[in-house]
Protein backbone atom coordinates (compact mmCIF):
# COMPACT_ATOMS: atom_id res chain seq x y z
CA MET A 1 0.01 -0.04 0.05
CA SER A 2 0.97 3.63 -0.75
CA ILE A 3 0.05 7.00 0.22
CA ARG A 4 0.02 9.81 -2.57
CA PHE A 5 1.33 13.14 -2.31
CA TYR A 6 1.74 16.02 -4.86
CA HIS A 7 4.58 18.33 -5.82
CA ARG A 8 4.23 21.43 -8.46
CA THR A 9 7.36 22.10 -10.46
CA ASN A 10 8.75 23.49 -13.75
CA ALA A 11 11.44 20.69 -13.65
CA ALA A 12 9.37 17.37 -13.73
CA GLU A 13 11.64 16.04 -16.53
CA ALA A 14 14.91 16.31 -14.55
CA ILE A 15 13.13 15.06 -11.30
CA ILE A 16 11.92 12.06 -13.06
CA ARG A 17 15.24 11.28 -14.53
CA ASP A 18 17.58 12.30 -11.72
CA GLY A 19 15.59 12.28 -8.58
CA PHE A 20 14.60 15.18 -6.15
CA ARG A 21 16.89 17.53 -4.81
CA ASP A 22 16.61 19.27 -1.48
CA ASP A 23 15.94 23.00 -1.85
CA GLU A 24 15.74 25.69 0.88
CA GLY A 25 13.22 28.30 1.47
CA SER A 26 10.64 29.82 3.89
CA TYR A 27 7.59 28.22 1.90
CA MET A 28 5.48 31.10 3.11
CA LEU A 29 6.34 30.40 6.96
CA LYS A 30 7.65 33.72 8.36
CA GLY A 31 10.95 33.54 10.22
CA MET A 32 11.32 29.87 9.30
CA ARG A 33 13.47 28.30 6.59
CA LEU A 34 13.03 24.85 5.66
CA ARG A 35 15.19 22.33 3.71
CA GLY A 36 13.78 19.54 1.46
CA VAL A 37 10.88 18.96 -1.04
CA PHE A 38 7.69 20.42 -0.44
CA LEU A 39 4.68 17.81 -0.65
CA SER A 40 0.98 18.25 -0.08
CA ASP A 41 -2.08 16.04 0.24
CA ILE A 42 -3.95 17.83 -2.43
CA LEU A 43 -3.38 19.66 -5.54
CA LEU A 44 -2.07 23.08 -4.99
CA ASP A 45 -1.48 26.05 -7.31
CA ALA A 46 0.01 29.46 -7.29
CA ASN A 47 -2.79 30.74 -4.96
CA ASP A 48 -1.40 28.44 -2.39
CA GLY A 49 2.29 29.09 -2.92
CA ALA A 50 2.89 26.26 -5.14
CA GLU A 51 4.60 27.50 -8.42
CA GLY A 52 5.21 25.54 -11.70
CA ASP A 53 3.35 24.36 -14.93
CA GLN A 54 3.93 20.64 -14.03
CA LEU A 55 2.25 18.47 -11.30
CA LEU A 56 4.02 15.32 -10.06
CA GLU A 57 2.33 12.62 -8.04
CA ILE A 58 4.50 10.80 -5.61
CA SER A 59 3.50 7.72 -4.13
CA LEU A 60 5.29 6.79 -1.03
CA GLN A 61 5.26 3.30 0.62
CA ALA A 62 3.05 3.30 3.82
CA THR A 63 6.25 2.00 5.83
CA CYS A 64 7.81 5.51 4.85
CA ASP A 65 7.28 7.76 7.89
CA ILE A 66 7.43 11.34 6.94
CA SER A 67 5.34 12.62 10.21
CA ASP A 68 8.38 14.43 11.54
CA TYR A 69 8.30 16.45 8.41
CA GLU A 70 4.92 17.79 8.40
CA ILE A 71 4.31 21.58 8.41
CA ILE A 72 1.29 22.25 10.70
CA GLU A 73 -0.29 25.49 10.33
CA GLU A 74 -3.66 26.30 11.98
CA GLY A 75 -6.71 26.88 9.45
CA LYS A 76 -5.12 25.20 6.37
CA PRO A 77 -7.53 23.02 4.69
CA TYR A 78 -4.89 20.63 3.58
CA ARG A 79 -1.70 19.03 4.98
CA GLU A 80 1.79 19.69 3.86
CA TRP A 81 5.36 18.44 4.37
CA CYS A 82 8.79 19.37 3.78
CA VAL A 83 10.74 15.89 3.23
CA PRO A 84 14.45 15.32 2.64
CA ALA A 85 15.07 14.58 -1.01
CA GLY A 86 16.55 11.34 -0.10
CA ILE A 87 13.51 9.89 1.43
CA ILE A 88 11.45 10.61 -1.47
CA ASN A 89 13.87 9.23 -3.83
CA ARG A 90 14.52 5.91 -1.87
CA CYS A 91 10.87 5.28 -0.95
CA GLY A 92 8.84 6.93 -3.67
CA GLU A 93 7.48 6.41 -7.16
CA VAL A 94 7.18 9.61 -9.28
CA ARG A 95 5.07 10.32 -12.12
CA LEU A 96 4.01 13.42 -14.04
CA LEU A 97 0.17 13.94 -14.21
CA ALA A 98 -1.40 15.05 -17.40
CA LYS A 99 -2.98 18.48 -17.53
CA GLU A 100 -6.37 16.88 -17.54
CA ASP A 101 -5.71 15.04 -14.38
């Protein structure tokens, strides 16, 4: 069994070919810098701070525990994580979703 997550990007081809790489940013959190790969449990867009024209679906094995990387913010209608790239590359399967998906 696996759990699905989503990542918006402009570099889907490189990610699928070479794997994810850690990035660093505030991810809209004031005063906090995070390093890793931003994942969400629903499809996000620029209105939510997720930029890019391509959407990747990441299926992580249920045995891959990423709970320590969850970003918890009051009032958000979705869940999000900043996960080290190595974990996703080791435990995940990545596919590019078609625009109509």
